[in-house]
Amino acid sequence: MTEESKQTTAIVTGGSRGIGRAIALEMARAGHFVVVTYRSGAEAAEKTLDLIRREGGNGEAVGFDVADSQQAKDAVAAILDRHDAVEVLVNNAGIAIDQLFIMMPERDWDAVVNTTLKGFYNVAKPVLKAMIPRKRGAVVSIASVAALVGNRGQANYSAAKAGLIGASRSVASEVARLGIRVNVVAPGLIETEMIQEAPIRDIKARIPMARIGKPEEVARVVRFLCSDDASYVTGQTLSVNGGMF
């Protein structure tokens, strides 16, 4: 066993940028060795690791597509082999391909649902199996306000994120007695690349706090849910959206 693997390990899927990067940094600040996974942004993932190391933390970047069953199986098996104590999994990987439902190509529906929902299955299942013998662990999945209220042009995204909430609640009930907690965080409008084309002024008018959220504000909630401070919290969805309903 390497010196690194003696640390508890946090896996953050889609941790190369945006909310995922902020979460990876928070996990490092909490003392975890952070595995940052990415599909294609190797350079961005290395940037996340550089930021972690500047603060005295450590981690590694692992590239694979969470929607690809074989890629995910091989990559997660290798991670679990290298790191004995995987205590945290944050399912953050997701994509958005927006279009009105009646005009949406099947490939766009499949791509969004497979990344978010099948990706949850592909990664969380083997990680949970590794957590069970230790009777300890926290899984947090990143959904969206779109799963709760729906967004025009985002039927695929809303369906995938809502499915993530339902799956997480069911899994939480299955593993609660085994010492593992499973929760969801549902961000609202957050300052990331994904909102560059969004009608910011119109959306801000719907937010009681009248501002856009920061990735760090989501990450701190995730950190709480992964910590012992949330030891009696499982099967929940926490909205981080400035008061949107």
C-alpha atoms as a PDB file:
ATOM      1  CA  MET A   1       0.000   0.000   0.000  1.00  0.00           C
ATOM      2  CA  THR A   2       1.353   3.406  -0.906  1.00  0.00           C
ATOM      3  CA  GLU A   3       1.579   6.283   1.560  1.00  0.00           C
ATOM      4  CA  GLU A   4      -1.137   8.119  -0.375  1.00  0.00           C
ATOM      5  CA  SER A   5      -3.597   5.232  -0.079  1.00  0.00           C
ATOM      6  CA  LYS A   6      -3.394   5.357   3.738  1.00  0.00           C
ATOM      7  CA  GLN A   7      -5.400   8.561   3.528  1.00  0.00           C
ATOM      8  CA  THR A   8      -9.130   8.405   3.126  1.00  0.00           C
ATOM      9  CA  THR A   9      -9.920   8.976  -0.505  1.00  0.00           C
ATOM     10  CA  ALA A  10     -12.607  11.082  -2.143  1.00  0.00           C
ATOM     11  CA  ILE A  11     -13.593  10.435  -5.752  1.00  0.00           C
ATOM     12  CA  VAL A  12     -15.086  13.423  -7.565  1.00  0.00           C
ATOM     13  CA  THR A  13     -16.422  12.634 -11.024  1.00  0.00           C
ATOM     14  CA  GLY A  14     -16.313  15.504 -13.473  1.00  0.00           C
ATOM     15  CA  GLY A  15     -13.916  17.305 -11.156  1.00  0.00           C
ATOM     16  CA  SER A  16     -11.903  19.156 -13.761  1.00  0.00           C
ATOM     17  CA  ARG A  17     -13.817  22.445 -13.724  1.00  0.00           C
ATOM     18  CA  GLY A  18     -16.759  24.439 -12.394  1.00  0.00           C
ATOM     19  CA  ILE A  19     -18.670  22.956  -9.482  1.00  0.00           C
ATOM     20  CA  GLY A  20     -16.633  19.754  -9.691  1.00  0.00           C
ATOM     21  CA  ARG A  21     -13.371  21.635  -9.274  1.00  0.00           C
ATOM     22  CA  ALA A  22     -14.716  23.542  -6.268  1.00  0.00           C
ATOM     23  CA  ILE A  23     -15.866  20.269  -4.706  1.00  0.00           C
ATOM     24  CA  ALA A  24     -12.496  18.626  -5.299  1.00  0.00           C
ATOM     25  CA  LEU A  25     -10.791  21.519  -3.521  1.00  0.00           C
ATOM     26  CA  GLU A  26     -13.179  21.254  -0.564  1.00  0.00           C
ATOM     27  CA  MET A  27     -12.582  17.517  -0.296  1.00  0.00           C
ATOM     28  CA  ALA A  28      -8.833  18.161  -0.191  1.00  0.00           C
ATOM     29  CA  ARG A  29      -9.312  20.792   2.519  1.00  0.00           C
ATOM     30  CA  ALA A  30     -11.222  18.160   4.504  1.00  0.00           C
ATOM     31  CA  GLY A  31      -8.088  15.993   4.419  1.00  0.00           C
ATOM     32  CA  HIS A  32      -8.924  13.533   1.649  1.00  0.00           C
ATOM     33  CA  PHE A  33      -6.694  12.359  -1.168  1.00  0.00           C
ATOM     34  CA  VAL A  34      -8.817  13.457  -4.138  1.00  0.00           C
ATOM     35  CA  VAL A  35      -9.320  11.413  -7.298  1.00  0.00           C
ATOM     36  CA  VAL A  36     -10.432  13.867  -9.979  1.00  0.00           C
ATOM     37  CA  THR A  37     -12.107  12.092 -12.873  1.00  0.00           C
ATOM     38  CA  TYR A  38     -12.673  13.604 -16.297  1.00  0.00           C
ATOM     39  CA  ARG A  39     -13.789  12.499 -19.735  1.00  0.00           C
ATOM     40  CA  SER A  40     -11.756  14.702 -22.064  1.00  0.00           C
ATOM     41  CA  GLY A  41     -10.377  17.686 -20.113  1.00  0.00           C
ATOM     42  CA  ALA A  42      -7.008  16.321 -19.027  1.00  0.00           C
ATOM     43  CA  GLU A  43      -5.423  19.768 -18.880  1.00  0.00           C
ATOM     44  CA  ALA A  44      -8.293  21.161 -16.797  1.00  0.00           C
ATOM     45  CA  ALA A  45      -8.071  18.184 -14.434  1.00  0.00           C
ATOM     46  CA  GLU A  46      -4.362  18.842 -13.933  1.00  0.00           C
ATOM     47  CA  LYS A  47      -5.242  22.465 -13.167  1.00  0.00           C
ATOM     48  CA  THR A  48      -7.586  21.234 -10.421  1.00  0.00           C
ATOM     49  CA  LEU A  49      -4.788  19.092  -8.988  1.00  0.00           C
ATOM     50  CA  ASP A  50      -2.386  22.036  -9.136  1.00  0.00           C
ATOM     51  CA  LEU A  51      -4.822  24.132  -7.087  1.00  0.00           C
ATOM     52  CA  ILE A  52      -5.185  21.285  -4.585  1.00  0.00           C
ATOM     53  CA  ARG A  53      -1.428  20.910  -4.207  1.00  0.00           C
ATOM     54  CA  ARG A  54      -0.907  24.645  -3.767  1.00  0.00           C
ATOM     55  CA  GLU A  55      -3.050  24.356  -0.638  1.00  0.00           C
ATOM     56  CA  GLY A  56      -1.050  21.396   0.663  1.00  0.00           C
ATOM     57  CA  GLY A  57      -3.389  18.634  -0.500  1.00  0.00           C
ATOM     58  CA  ASN A  58      -2.840  15.795  -2.916  1.00  0.00           C
ATOM     59  CA  GLY A  59      -4.684  13.785  -5.520  1.00  0.00           C
ATOM     60  CA  GLU A  60      -4.621  12.248  -8.963  1.00  0.00           C
ATOM     61  CA  ALA A  61      -6.466  12.661 -12.252  1.00  0.00           C
ATOM     62  CA  VAL A  62      -8.131   9.672 -13.931  1.00  0.00           C
ATOM     63  CA  GLY A  63      -9.645   9.924 -17.394  1.00  0.00           C
ATOM     64  CA  PHE A  64     -12.647   7.817 -18.437  1.00  0.00           C
ATOM     65  CA  ASP A  65     -16.233   8.185 -19.627  1.00  0.00           C
ATOM     66  CA  VAL A  66     -18.662   7.458 -16.767  1.00  0.00           C
ATOM     67  CA  ALA A  67     -21.341   6.579 -19.344  1.00  0.00           C
ATOM     68  CA  ASP A  68     -19.197   3.792 -20.817  1.00  0.00           C
ATOM     69  CA  SER A  69     -19.745   0.668 -18.718  1.00  0.00           C
ATOM     70  CA  GLN A  70     -16.443  -1.024 -19.518  1.00  0.00           C
ATOM     71  CA  GLN A  71     -14.355   2.139 -19.180  1.00  0.00           C
ATOM     72  CA  ALA A  72     -15.977   2.920 -15.853  1.00  0.00           C
ATOM     73  CA  LYS A  73     -15.615  -0.653 -14.584  1.00  0.00           C
ATOM     74  CA  ASP A  74     -11.906  -0.761 -15.380  1.00  0.00           C
ATOM     75  CA  ALA A  75     -11.145   2.741 -14.109  1.00  0.00           C
ATOM     76  CA  VAL A  76     -13.036   2.375 -10.828  1.00  0.00           C
ATOM     77  CA  ALA A  77     -11.504  -1.054 -10.179  1.00  0.00           C
ATOM     78  CA  ALA A  78      -8.037   0.445 -10.623  1.00  0.00           C
ATOM     79  CA  ILE A  79      -8.849   3.349  -8.295  1.00  0.00           C
ATOM     80  CA  LEU A  80     -10.154   0.996  -5.621  1.00  0.00           C
ATOM     81  CA  ASP A  81      -7.061  -1.169  -5.987  1.00  0.00           C
ATOM     82  CA  ARG A  82      -4.748   1.809  -5.464  1.00  0.00           C
ATOM     83  CA  HIS A  83      -6.670   3.392  -2.606  1.00  0.00           C
ATOM     84  CA  ASP A  84      -7.683   1.191   0.271  1.00  0.00           C
ATOM     85  CA  ALA A  85     -10.035   3.582   2.047  1.00  0.00           C
ATOM     86  CA  VAL A  86     -12.489   5.267  -0.318  1.00  0.00           C
ATOM     87  CA  GLU A  87     -14.687   7.199   2.070  1.00  0.00           C
ATOM     88  CA  VAL A  88     -16.369   9.718  -0.228  1.00  0.00           C
ATOM     89  CA  LEU A  89     -17.884   9.610  -3.705  1.00  0.00           C
ATOM     90  CA  VAL A  90     -19.257  12.749  -5.324  1.00  0.00           C
ATOM     91  CA  ASN A  91     -21.189  12.051  -8.522  1.00  0.00           C
ATOM     92  CA  ASN A  92     -20.825  15.355 -10.322  1.00  0.00           C
ATOM     93  CA  ALA A  93     -20.245  14.290 -13.941  1.00  0.00           C
ATOM     94  CA  GLY A  94     -22.993  15.501 -16.216  1.00  0.00           C
ATOM     95  CA  ILE A  95     -23.662  17.263 -19.500  1.00  0.00           C
ATOM     96  CA  ALA A  96     -26.422  19.450 -20.898  1.00  0.00           C
ATOM     97  CA  ILE A  97     -27.583  19.421 -24.518  1.00  0.00           C
ATOM     98  CA  ASP A  98     -30.612  21.692 -24.632  1.00  0.00           C
ATOM     99  CA  GLN A  99     -33.419  21.554 -27.173  1.00  0.00           C
ATOM    100  CA  LEU A 100     -37.208  21.623 -27.177  1.00  0.00           C
ATOM    101  CA  PHE A 101     -38.459  18.110 -26.495  1.00  0.00           C
ATOM    102  CA  ILE A 102     -40.336  17.715 -29.781  1.00  0.00           C
ATOM    103  CA  MET A 103     -37.170  18.643 -31.691  1.00  0.00           C
ATOM    104  CA  MET A 104     -34.690  16.700 -29.547  1.00  0.00           C
ATOM    105  CA  PRO A 105     -32.703  13.981 -31.338  1.00  0.00           C
ATOM    106  CA  GLU A 106     -32.613  10.619 -29.587  1.00  0.00           C
ATOM    107  CA  ARG A 107     -28.811  10.792 -29.399  1.00  0.00           C
ATOM    108  CA  ASP A 108     -29.032  13.970 -27.290  1.00  0.00           C
ATOM    109  CA  TRP A 109     -31.535  12.380 -24.913  1.00  0.00           C
ATOM    110  CA  ASP A 110     -29.333   9.310 -24.550  1.00  0.00           C
ATOM    111  CA  ALA A 111     -26.095  11.267 -24.104  1.00  0.00           C
ATOM    112  CA  VAL A 112     -27.449  13.372 -21.238  1.00  0.00           C
ATOM    113  CA  VAL A 113     -29.295  10.555 -19.457  1.00  0.00           C
ATOM    114  CA  ASN A 114     -26.414   8.108 -19.833  1.00  0.00           C
ATOM    115  CA  THR A 115     -23.805  10.487 -18.463  1.00  0.00           C
ATOM    116  CA  THR A 116     -25.791  11.514 -15.400  1.00  0.00           C
ATOM    117  CA  LEU A 117     -27.920   8.474 -14.568  1.00  0.00           C
ATOM    118  CA  LYS A 118     -26.060   5.530 -16.048  1.00  0.00           C
ATOM    119  CA  GLY A 119     -22.857   7.178 -14.887  1.00  0.00           C
ATOM    120  CA  PHE A 120     -24.234   7.058 -11.338  1.00  0.00           C
ATOM    121  CA  TYR A 121     -24.854   3.323 -11.704  1.00  0.00           C
ATOM    122  CA  ASN A 122     -21.471   2.643 -13.295  1.00  0.00           C
ATOM    123  CA  VAL A 123     -19.457   4.432 -10.607  1.00  0.00           C
ATOM    124  CA  ALA A 124     -21.530   4.298  -7.424  1.00  0.00           C
ATOM    125  CA  LYS A 125     -22.230   0.563  -7.510  1.00  0.00           C
ATOM    126  CA  PRO A 126     -18.608  -0.634  -7.263  1.00  0.00           C
ATOM    127  CA  VAL A 127     -17.670   2.145  -4.842  1.00  0.00           C
ATOM    128  CA  LEU A 128     -20.555   1.246  -2.531  1.00  0.00           C
ATOM    129  CA  LYS A 129     -19.476  -2.394  -2.617  1.00  0.00           C
ATOM    130  CA  ALA A 130     -16.054  -1.276  -1.392  1.00  0.00           C
ATOM    131  CA  MET A 131     -17.569   0.916   1.343  1.00  0.00           C
ATOM    132  CA  ILE A 132     -19.859  -1.759   2.776  1.00  0.00           C
ATOM    133  CA  PRO A 133     -17.179  -3.925   4.474  1.00  0.00           C
ATOM    134  CA  ARG A 134     -15.889  -0.811   6.266  1.00  0.00           C
ATOM    135  CA  LYS A 135     -19.419   0.220   7.283  1.00  0.00           C
ATOM    136  CA  ARG A 136     -18.561   3.814   6.553  1.00  0.00           C
ATOM    137  CA  GLY A 137     -18.900   6.163   3.610  1.00  0.00           C
ATOM    138  CA  ALA A 138     -20.712   9.099   2.056  1.00  0.00           C
ATOM    139  CA  VAL A 139     -22.094   9.426  -1.444  1.00  0.00           C
ATOM    140  CA  VAL A 140     -23.312  12.797  -2.695  1.00  0.00           C
ATOM    141  CA  SER A 141     -24.758  13.326  -6.158  1.00  0.00           C
ATOM    142  CA  ILE A 142     -25.131  16.694  -7.858  1.00  0.00           C
ATOM    143  CA  ALA A 143     -28.613  17.186  -9.301  1.00  0.00           C
ATOM    144  CA  SER A 144     -30.137  20.532 -10.297  1.00  0.00           C
ATOM    145  CA  VAL A 145     -33.025  22.872  -9.644  1.00  0.00           C
ATOM    146  CA  ALA A 146     -34.173  21.670 -13.083  1.00  0.00           C
ATOM    147  CA  ALA A 147     -35.003  18.304 -11.498  1.00  0.00           C
ATOM    148  CA  LEU A 148     -37.399  20.001  -9.097  1.00  0.00           C
ATOM    149  CA  VAL A 149     -39.086  22.686 -11.185  1.00  0.00           C
ATOM    150  CA  GLY A 150     -38.268  21.807 -14.806  1.00  0.00           C
ATOM    151  CA  ASN A 151     -36.713  24.062 -17.413  1.00  0.00           C
ATOM    152  CA  ARG A 152     -37.917  24.763 -20.935  1.00  0.00           C
ATOM    153  CA  GLY A 153     -35.636  23.011 -23.401  1.00  0.00           C
ATOM    154  CA  GLN A 154     -34.130  20.698 -20.781  1.00  0.00           C
ATOM    155  CA  ALA A 155     -36.406  17.649 -20.703  1.00  0.00           C
ATOM    156  CA  ASN A 156     -33.416  15.308 -20.985  1.00  0.00           C
ATOM    157  CA  TYR A 157     -31.389  17.151 -18.340  1.00  0.00           C
ATOM    158  CA  SER A 158     -34.354  17.466 -15.967  1.00  0.00           C
ATOM    159  CA  ALA A 159     -35.224  13.784 -16.386  1.00  0.00           C
ATOM    160  CA  ALA A 160     -31.650  12.671 -15.735  1.00  0.00           C
ATOM    161  CA  LYS A 161     -31.262  14.826 -12.637  1.00  0.00           C
ATOM    162  CA  ALA A 162     -34.691  13.856 -11.270  1.00  0.00           C
ATOM    163  CA  GLY A 163     -33.773  10.212 -11.818  1.00  0.00           C
ATOM    164  CA  LEU A 164     -30.600  10.799  -9.860  1.00  0.00           C
ATOM    165  CA  ILE A 165     -32.656  12.050  -6.905  1.00  0.00           C
ATOM    166  CA  GLY A 166     -34.960   9.038  -7.022  1.00  0.00           C
ATOM    167  CA  ALA A 167     -32.104   6.563  -7.340  1.00  0.00           C
ATOM    168  CA  SER A 168     -30.211   8.194  -4.476  1.00  0.00           C
ATOM    169  CA  ARG A 169     -33.212   8.021  -2.151  1.00  0.00           C
ATOM    170  CA  SER A 170     -33.676   4.336  -2.878  1.00  0.00           C
ATOM    171  CA  VAL A 171     -29.993   3.499  -2.459  1.00  0.00           C
ATOM    172  CA  ALA A 172     -29.892   5.533   0.772  1.00  0.00           C
ATOM    173  CA  SER A 173     -32.606   3.314   2.246  1.00  0.00           C
ATOM    174  CA  GLU A 174     -30.670   0.192   1.232  1.00  0.00           C
ATOM    175  CA  VAL A 175     -27.325   1.107   2.788  1.00  0.00           C
ATOM    176  CA  ALA A 176     -28.299   3.256   5.784  1.00  0.00           C
ATOM    177  CA  ARG A 177     -27.944   0.388   8.260  1.00  0.00           C
ATOM    178  CA  LEU A 178     -24.518  -0.355   6.818  1.00  0.00           C
ATOM    179  CA  GLY A 179     -23.138   3.005   7.935  1.00  0.00           C
ATOM    180  CA  ILE A 180     -23.247   4.651   4.503  1.00  0.00           C
ATOM    181  CA  ARG A 181     -25.078   7.886   3.781  1.00  0.00           C
ATOM    182  CA  VAL A 182     -26.390   8.868   0.347  1.00  0.00           C
ATOM    183  CA  ASN A 183     -27.594  12.404  -0.355  1.00  0.00           C
ATOM    184  CA  VAL A 184     -28.147  14.856  -3.188  1.00  0.00           C
ATOM    185  CA  VAL A 185     -27.349  18.527  -3.672  1.00  0.00           C
ATOM    186  CA  ALA A 186     -29.482  20.432  -6.180  1.00  0.00           C
ATOM    187  CA  PRO A 187     -27.800  23.677  -7.266  1.00  0.00           C
ATOM    188  CA  GLY A 188     -29.638  26.541  -8.888  1.00  0.00           C
ATOM    189  CA  LEU A 189     -27.948  29.034 -11.202  1.00  0.00           C
ATOM    190  CA  ILE A 190     -24.220  28.873 -10.448  1.00  0.00           C
ATOM    191  CA  GLU A 191     -21.316  30.790 -11.995  1.00  0.00           C
ATOM    192  CA  THR A 192     -19.905  28.161 -14.366  1.00  0.00           C
ATOM    193  CA  GLU A 193     -19.329  27.755 -18.093  1.00  0.00           C
ATOM    194  CA  MET A 194     -22.702  26.026 -18.409  1.00  0.00           C
ATOM    195  CA  ILE A 195     -24.653  29.267 -17.874  1.00  0.00           C
ATOM    196  CA  GLN A 196     -22.819  31.400 -20.431  1.00  0.00           C
ATOM    197  CA  GLU A 197     -25.742  31.218 -22.868  1.00  0.00           C
ATOM    198  CA  ALA A 198     -28.459  31.459 -20.213  1.00  0.00           C
ATOM    199  CA  PRO A 199     -30.747  34.520 -19.956  1.00  0.00           C
ATOM    200  CA  ILE A 200     -29.122  35.666 -16.713  1.00  0.00           C
ATOM    201  CA  ARG A 201     -31.229  38.785 -16.186  1.00  0.00           C
ATOM    202  CA  ASP A 202     -34.505  36.883 -16.533  1.00  0.00           C
ATOM    203  CA  ILE A 203     -33.352  34.070 -14.274  1.00  0.00           C
ATOM    204  CA  LYS A 204     -32.058  36.411 -11.568  1.00  0.00           C
ATOM    205  CA  ALA A 205     -35.520  37.927 -11.394  1.00  0.00           C
ATOM    206  CA  ARG A 206     -36.785  34.513 -10.214  1.00  0.00           C
ATOM    207  CA  ILE A 207     -34.168  34.201  -7.458  1.00  0.00           C
ATOM    208  CA  PRO A 208     -35.186  35.711  -4.098  1.00  0.00           C
ATOM    209  CA  MET A 209     -31.551  36.424  -3.245  1.00  0.00           C
ATOM    210  CA  ALA A 210     -31.252  38.246  -6.608  1.00  0.00           C
ATOM    211  CA  ARG A 211     -27.802  36.907  -7.463  1.00  0.00           C
ATOM    212  CA  ILE A 212     -26.018  33.999  -9.070  1.00  0.00           C
ATOM    213  CA  GLY A 213     -24.469  31.400  -6.779  1.00  0.00           C
ATOM    214  CA  LYS A 214     -20.779  30.519  -6.633  1.00  0.00           C
ATOM    215  CA  PRO A 215     -19.339  27.012  -7.085  1.00  0.00           C
ATOM    216  CA  GLU A 216     -17.780  27.286  -3.631  1.00  0.00           C
ATOM    217  CA  GLU A 217     -21.230  27.724  -2.088  1.00  0.00           C
ATOM    218  CA  VAL A 218     -22.284  24.377  -3.533  1.00  0.00           C
ATOM    219  CA  ALA A 219     -18.995  22.732  -2.590  1.00  0.00           C
ATOM    220  CA  ARG A 220     -19.282  23.695   1.063  1.00  0.00           C
ATOM    221  CA  VAL A 221     -22.694  22.026   1.300  1.00  0.00           C
ATOM    222  CA  VAL A 222     -21.234  18.889  -0.294  1.00  0.00           C
ATOM    223  CA  ARG A 223     -18.377  18.974   2.190  1.00  0.00           C
ATOM    224  CA  PHE A 224     -20.870  19.141   5.059  1.00  0.00           C
ATOM    225  CA  LEU A 225     -22.832  16.146   3.763  1.00  0.00           C
ATOM    226  CA  CYS A 226     -19.616  14.139   3.437  1.00  0.00           C
ATOM    227  CA  SER A 227     -18.493  14.967   6.968  1.00  0.00           C
ATOM    228  CA  ASP A 228     -19.326  13.514  10.364  1.00  0.00           C
ATOM    229  CA  ASP A 229     -21.305  16.699  11.045  1.00  0.00           C
ATOM    230  CA  ALA A 230     -23.975  15.171   8.779  1.00  0.00           C
ATOM    231  CA  SER A 231     -23.866  11.781  10.498  1.00  0.00           C
ATOM    232  CA  TYR A 232     -27.683  11.589  10.791  1.00  0.00           C
ATOM    233  CA  VAL A 233     -28.482  12.928   7.322  1.00  0.00           C
ATOM    234  CA  THR A 234     -29.268  10.496   4.515  1.00  0.00           C
ATOM    235  CA  GLY A 235     -31.729  10.215   1.647  1.00  0.00           C
ATOM    236  CA  GLN A 236     -32.070  13.996   1.443  1.00  0.00           C
ATOM    237  CA  THR A 237     -31.930  16.564  -1.351  1.00  0.00           C
ATOM    238  CA  LEU A 238     -30.498  19.941  -0.314  1.00  0.00           C
ATOM    239  CA  SER A 239     -31.213  22.834  -2.657  1.00  0.00           C
ATOM    240  CA  VAL A 240     -28.535  25.501  -3.061  1.00  0.00           C
ATOM    241  CA  ASN A 241     -30.379  27.977  -5.207  1.00  0.00           C
ATOM    242  CA  GLY A 242     -30.825  31.315  -3.447  1.00  0.00           C
ATOM    243  CA  GLY A 243     -34.408  30.555  -2.482  1.00  0.00           C
ATOM    244  CA  MET A 244     -35.885  29.433  -5.827  1.00  0.00           C
ATOM    245  CA  PHE A 245     -39.005  27.283  -5.571  1.00  0.00           C
END
